[in-house]
Amino acid sequence: MAHADRPRWWWWGLTALIVAWLAVLAVSAVWGVPHIERALKVRSEAALGEISADQVEVSVSQRDVTLAGVLPPGITPSSARDTVAALWGVRTVQLEQLEA
């Protein structure tokens, strides 16, 4: 019966652990997504610049990249898509009004 009289302090520890875990998730959701989007946009623009397609407009939503605009002569939409798709962190690449 000695155990029944002891306070259950472990509940406080478990509650604190859950609150801390939820706080980490909230901070990563607020800070992480915009940071990833900016990094992917910069890296996508740099990769397109290396193949002389720096006129292409790049937009990023989470890890999905959309390319729009006019490609220079000799650059096909599929080569622009493949260049960006090869970057680490890119999930999909959509071609939207991309003209050769």
N, C-alpha and C. Protein backbone atom coordinates (compact mmCIF):
# COMPACT_ATOMS: atom_id res chain seq x y z
N MET A 1 0.81 -1.19 0.00
CA MET A 1 0.00 0.00 0.00
C MET A 1 0.86 1.27 0.00
N ALA A 2 2.13 1.10 0.20
CA ALA A 2 3.03 2.25 0.24
C ALA A 2 3.07 2.94 -1.11
N HIS A 3 2.95 2.20 -2.20
CA HIS A 3 3.00 2.80 -3.53
C HIS A 3 1.78 3.65 -3.82
N ALA A 4 0.65 3.30 -3.28
CA ALA A 4 -0.59 4.04 -3.54
C ALA A 4 -0.56 5.41 -2.87
N ASP A 5 0.21 5.56 -1.80
CA ASP A 5 0.26 6.83 -1.09
C ASP A 5 1.24 7.82 -1.73
N ARG A 6 2.19 7.31 -2.55
CA ARG A 6 3.18 8.20 -3.17
C ARG A 6 2.53 9.01 -4.29
N PRO A 7 2.91 10.28 -4.39
CA PRO A 7 2.39 11.06 -5.52
C PRO A 7 2.97 10.54 -6.82
N ARG A 8 2.25 10.69 -7.84
CA ARG A 8 2.70 10.20 -9.16
C ARG A 8 3.39 11.34 -9.90
N TRP A 9 4.62 11.61 -9.52
CA TRP A 9 5.41 12.69 -10.10
C TRP A 9 5.76 12.43 -11.55
N TRP A 10 5.76 11.20 -11.97
CA TRP A 10 6.15 10.91 -13.34
C TRP A 10 5.16 11.51 -14.33
N TRP A 11 3.91 11.76 -13.92
CA TRP A 11 2.95 12.40 -14.81
C TRP A 11 3.40 13.81 -15.16
N TRP A 12 3.99 14.51 -14.19
CA TRP A 12 4.49 15.86 -14.45
C TRP A 12 5.63 15.82 -15.46
N GLY A 13 6.50 14.85 -15.31
CA GLY A 13 7.61 14.72 -16.26
C GLY A 13 7.12 14.38 -17.66
N LEU A 14 6.16 13.49 -17.74
CA LEU A 14 5.60 13.12 -19.03
C LEU A 14 4.90 14.31 -19.68
N THR A 15 4.16 15.07 -18.90
CA THR A 15 3.48 16.25 -19.42
C THR A 15 4.48 17.27 -19.93
N ALA A 16 5.56 17.50 -19.18
CA ALA A 16 6.58 18.45 -19.61
C ALA A 16 7.25 17.97 -20.90
N LEU A 17 7.49 16.69 -21.02
CA LEU A 17 8.11 16.14 -22.23
C LEU A 17 7.20 16.33 -23.44
N ILE A 18 5.92 16.10 -23.28
CA ILE A 18 4.97 16.27 -24.39
C ILE A 18 4.88 17.74 -24.80
N VAL A 19 4.82 18.64 -23.83
CA VAL A 19 4.76 20.08 -24.14
C VAL A 19 6.02 20.51 -24.88
N ALA A 20 7.18 20.05 -24.43
CA ALA A 20 8.44 20.40 -25.10
C ALA A 20 8.45 19.88 -26.53
N TRP A 21 7.99 18.66 -26.74
CA TRP A 21 7.95 18.06 -28.07
C TRP A 21 7.02 18.85 -28.99
N LEU A 22 5.86 19.25 -28.49
CA LEU A 22 4.93 20.05 -29.29
C LEU A 22 5.52 21.42 -29.62
N ALA A 23 6.27 22.00 -28.69
CA ALA A 23 6.90 23.29 -28.96
C ALA A 23 7.94 23.17 -30.06
N VAL A 24 8.72 22.11 -30.05
CA VAL A 24 9.71 21.89 -31.11
C VAL A 24 9.03 21.72 -32.46
N LEU A 25 7.94 20.98 -32.51
CA LEU A 25 7.19 20.81 -33.76
C LEU A 25 6.64 22.14 -34.26
N ALA A 26 6.12 22.95 -33.36
CA ALA A 26 5.56 24.24 -33.77
C ALA A 26 6.64 25.16 -34.32
N VAL A 27 7.77 25.22 -33.66
CA VAL A 27 8.87 26.08 -34.12
C VAL A 27 9.38 25.60 -35.47
N SER A 28 9.54 24.31 -35.65
CA SER A 28 10.04 23.81 -36.93
C SER A 28 9.04 24.05 -38.06
N ALA A 29 7.76 23.99 -37.76
CA ALA A 29 6.75 24.25 -38.80
C ALA A 29 6.75 25.72 -39.20
N VAL A 30 6.91 26.61 -38.24
CA VAL A 30 6.88 28.04 -38.53
C VAL A 30 8.18 28.50 -39.20
N TRP A 31 9.31 28.02 -38.71
CA TRP A 31 10.60 28.49 -39.23
C TRP A 31 11.07 27.65 -40.41
N GLY A 32 10.80 26.37 -40.41
CA GLY A 32 11.38 25.46 -41.39
C GLY A 32 10.90 25.63 -42.81
N VAL A 33 9.60 25.72 -43.02
CA VAL A 33 9.06 25.76 -44.38
C VAL A 33 9.52 26.99 -45.16
N PRO A 34 9.42 28.21 -44.62
CA PRO A 34 9.91 29.35 -45.39
C PRO A 34 11.41 29.27 -45.67
N HIS A 35 12.16 28.75 -44.73
CA HIS A 35 13.60 28.61 -44.92
C HIS A 35 13.91 27.65 -46.06
N ILE A 36 13.21 26.53 -46.11
CA ILE A 36 13.41 25.53 -47.16
C ILE A 36 13.00 26.12 -48.51
N GLU A 37 11.88 26.83 -48.55
CA GLU A 37 11.41 27.41 -49.81
C GLU A 37 12.41 28.42 -50.36
N ARG A 38 12.96 29.29 -49.49
CA ARG A 38 13.95 30.27 -49.95
C ARG A 38 15.20 29.58 -50.48
N ALA A 39 15.66 28.56 -49.76
CA ALA A 39 16.88 27.85 -50.18
C ALA A 39 16.67 27.15 -51.52
N LEU A 40 15.52 26.51 -51.70
CA LEU A 40 15.25 25.83 -52.98
C LEU A 40 15.13 26.83 -54.12
N LYS A 41 14.54 27.98 -53.86
CA LYS A 41 14.41 28.99 -54.93
C LYS A 41 15.80 29.49 -55.35
N VAL A 42 16.65 29.79 -54.39
CA VAL A 42 17.99 30.28 -54.70
C VAL A 42 18.79 29.22 -55.46
N ARG A 43 18.74 27.98 -54.99
CA ARG A 43 19.49 26.91 -55.66
C ARG A 43 18.94 26.60 -57.03
N SER A 44 17.61 26.69 -57.22
CA SER A 44 17.01 26.44 -58.52
C SER A 44 17.42 27.53 -59.51
N GLU A 45 17.38 28.79 -59.06
CA GLU A 45 17.78 29.89 -59.93
C GLU A 45 19.26 29.78 -60.32
N ALA A 46 20.10 29.35 -59.37
CA ALA A 46 21.52 29.18 -59.67
C ALA A 46 21.74 28.06 -60.68
N ALA A 47 21.02 26.95 -60.51
CA ALA A 47 21.16 25.82 -61.44
C ALA A 47 20.69 26.21 -62.84
N LEU A 48 19.60 26.96 -62.92
CA LEU A 48 19.12 27.41 -64.23
C LEU A 48 20.09 28.42 -64.85
N GLY A 49 20.72 29.22 -64.03
CA GLY A 49 21.72 30.16 -64.52
C GLY A 49 22.92 29.45 -65.12
N GLU A 50 23.26 28.29 -64.59
CA GLU A 50 24.39 27.53 -65.12
C GLU A 50 24.13 27.00 -66.52
N ILE A 51 22.85 26.80 -66.87
CA ILE A 51 22.54 26.34 -68.23
C ILE A 51 22.01 27.50 -69.08
N SER A 52 22.29 28.72 -68.64
CA SER A 52 21.89 29.96 -69.34
C SER A 52 20.38 30.12 -69.45
N ALA A 53 19.66 29.65 -68.46
CA ALA A 53 18.20 29.81 -68.44
C ALA A 53 17.80 30.68 -67.26
N ASP A 54 18.58 31.73 -67.01
CA ASP A 54 18.31 32.57 -65.84
C ASP A 54 17.13 33.51 -66.02
N GLN A 55 16.50 33.52 -67.18
CA GLN A 55 15.30 34.34 -67.42
C GLN A 55 14.04 33.65 -66.90
N VAL A 56 14.14 32.38 -66.55
CA VAL A 56 12.99 31.60 -66.11
C VAL A 56 12.59 32.02 -64.70
N GLU A 57 11.29 32.20 -64.49
CA GLU A 57 10.77 32.55 -63.17
C GLU A 57 10.60 31.28 -62.36
N VAL A 58 11.07 31.31 -61.12
CA VAL A 58 11.00 30.15 -60.24
C VAL A 58 10.12 30.50 -59.05
N SER A 59 9.15 29.64 -58.77
CA SER A 59 8.36 29.79 -57.55
C SER A 59 8.36 28.44 -56.83
N VAL A 60 8.35 28.51 -55.51
CA VAL A 60 8.45 27.30 -54.69
C VAL A 60 7.34 27.30 -53.67
N SER A 61 6.67 26.17 -53.55
CA SER A 61 5.67 25.95 -52.51
C SER A 61 6.05 24.67 -51.79
N GLN A 62 6.48 24.81 -50.56
CA GLN A 62 7.05 23.73 -49.78
C GLN A 62 8.27 23.19 -50.52
N ARG A 63 8.20 21.99 -51.10
CA ARG A 63 9.33 21.45 -51.85
C ARG A 63 8.99 21.28 -53.32
N ASP A 64 7.88 21.86 -53.76
CA ASP A 64 7.45 21.76 -55.15
C ASP A 64 7.84 23.04 -55.90
N VAL A 65 8.55 22.88 -57.01
CA VAL A 65 9.07 24.01 -57.78
C VAL A 65 8.24 24.17 -59.06
N THR A 66 7.90 25.42 -59.40
CA THR A 66 7.20 25.72 -60.64
C THR A 66 8.07 26.65 -61.47
N LEU A 67 8.23 26.31 -62.74
CA LEU A 67 9.01 27.11 -63.67
C LEU A 67 8.08 27.76 -64.68
N ALA A 68 8.29 29.04 -64.94
CA ALA A 68 7.46 29.77 -65.91
C ALA A 68 8.34 30.78 -66.64
N GLY A 69 7.89 31.17 -67.81
CA GLY A 69 8.62 32.18 -68.57
C GLY A 69 9.09 31.67 -69.91
N VAL A 70 10.13 32.33 -70.43
CA VAL A 70 10.65 32.00 -71.75
C VAL A 70 12.06 31.46 -71.61
N LEU A 71 12.29 30.33 -72.26
CA LEU A 71 13.62 29.72 -72.26
C LEU A 71 14.46 30.27 -73.40
N PRO A 72 15.76 30.37 -73.21
CA PRO A 72 16.62 30.82 -74.31
C PRO A 72 16.71 29.74 -75.39
N PRO A 73 17.14 30.11 -76.59
CA PRO A 73 17.28 29.11 -77.67
C PRO A 73 18.25 28.00 -77.25
N GLY A 74 17.89 26.78 -77.61
CA GLY A 74 18.74 25.63 -77.32
C GLY A 74 18.43 24.95 -75.99
N ILE A 75 17.62 25.55 -75.16
CA ILE A 75 17.24 24.96 -73.88
C ILE A 75 15.80 24.48 -73.99
N THR A 76 15.57 23.21 -73.76
CA THR A 76 14.22 22.66 -73.83
C THR A 76 13.57 22.69 -72.45
N PRO A 77 12.25 22.70 -72.41
CA PRO A 77 11.57 22.65 -71.12
C PRO A 77 11.96 21.42 -70.29
N SER A 78 12.15 20.29 -70.97
CA SER A 78 12.51 19.08 -70.21
C SER A 78 13.91 19.18 -69.62
N SER A 79 14.84 19.85 -70.31
CA SER A 79 16.19 20.00 -69.74
C SER A 79 16.17 20.95 -68.54
N ALA A 80 15.35 21.99 -68.61
CA ALA A 80 15.21 22.89 -67.46
C ALA A 80 14.59 22.15 -66.28
N ARG A 81 13.55 21.36 -66.56
CA ARG A 81 12.90 20.57 -65.50
C ARG A 81 13.88 19.58 -64.89
N ASP A 82 14.64 18.87 -65.73
CA ASP A 82 15.59 17.88 -65.22
C ASP A 82 16.69 18.53 -64.39
N THR A 83 17.14 19.72 -64.80
CA THR A 83 18.17 20.43 -64.05
C THR A 83 17.70 20.75 -62.64
N VAL A 84 16.48 21.26 -62.52
CA VAL A 84 15.95 21.61 -61.20
C VAL A 84 15.57 20.36 -60.41
N ALA A 85 15.03 19.37 -61.08
CA ALA A 85 14.63 18.13 -60.38
C ALA A 85 15.82 17.40 -59.77
N ALA A 86 17.02 17.61 -60.31
CA ALA A 86 18.21 16.95 -59.79
C ALA A 86 18.71 17.56 -58.48
N LEU A 87 18.18 18.72 -58.11
CA LEU A 87 18.62 19.38 -56.88
C LEU A 87 18.09 18.64 -55.66
N TRP A 88 18.93 18.58 -54.62
CA TRP A 88 18.52 17.92 -53.39
C TRP A 88 17.41 18.72 -52.73
N GLY A 89 16.34 18.04 -52.33
CA GLY A 89 15.23 18.67 -51.63
C GLY A 89 14.03 18.97 -52.51
N VAL A 90 14.20 18.93 -53.82
CA VAL A 90 13.09 19.20 -54.73
C VAL A 90 12.24 17.95 -54.86
N ARG A 91 10.94 18.08 -54.60
CA ARG A 91 10.03 16.94 -54.70
C ARG A 91 9.48 16.81 -56.11
N THR A 92 8.90 17.90 -56.63
CA THR A 92 8.36 17.88 -57.99
C THR A 92 8.71 19.18 -58.69
N VAL A 93 8.71 19.13 -60.03
CA VAL A 93 8.91 20.34 -60.84
C VAL A 93 7.78 20.42 -61.83
N GLN A 94 7.04 21.52 -61.80
CA GLN A 94 5.94 21.76 -62.71
C GLN A 94 6.37 22.81 -63.74
N LEU A 95 5.97 22.61 -64.97
CA LEU A 95 6.23 23.59 -66.03
C LEU A 95 4.94 24.33 -66.30
N GLU A 96 4.94 25.62 -66.06
CA GLU A 96 3.72 26.43 -66.21
C GLU A 96 4.02 27.57 -67.18
N GLN A 97 3.43 27.52 -68.34
CA GLN A 97 3.63 28.54 -69.38
C GLN A 97 5.12 28.75 -69.66
N LEU A 98 5.84 27.65 -69.75
CA LEU A 98 7.27 27.71 -70.06
C LEU A 98 7.43 27.51 -71.55
N GLU A 99 7.93 28.54 -72.23
CA GLU A 99 8.05 28.51 -73.68
C GLU A 99 9.51 28.42 -74.09
N ALA A 100 9.74 27.64 -75.12
CA ALA A 100 11.11 27.50 -75.63
C ALA A 100 11.38 28.53 -76.70
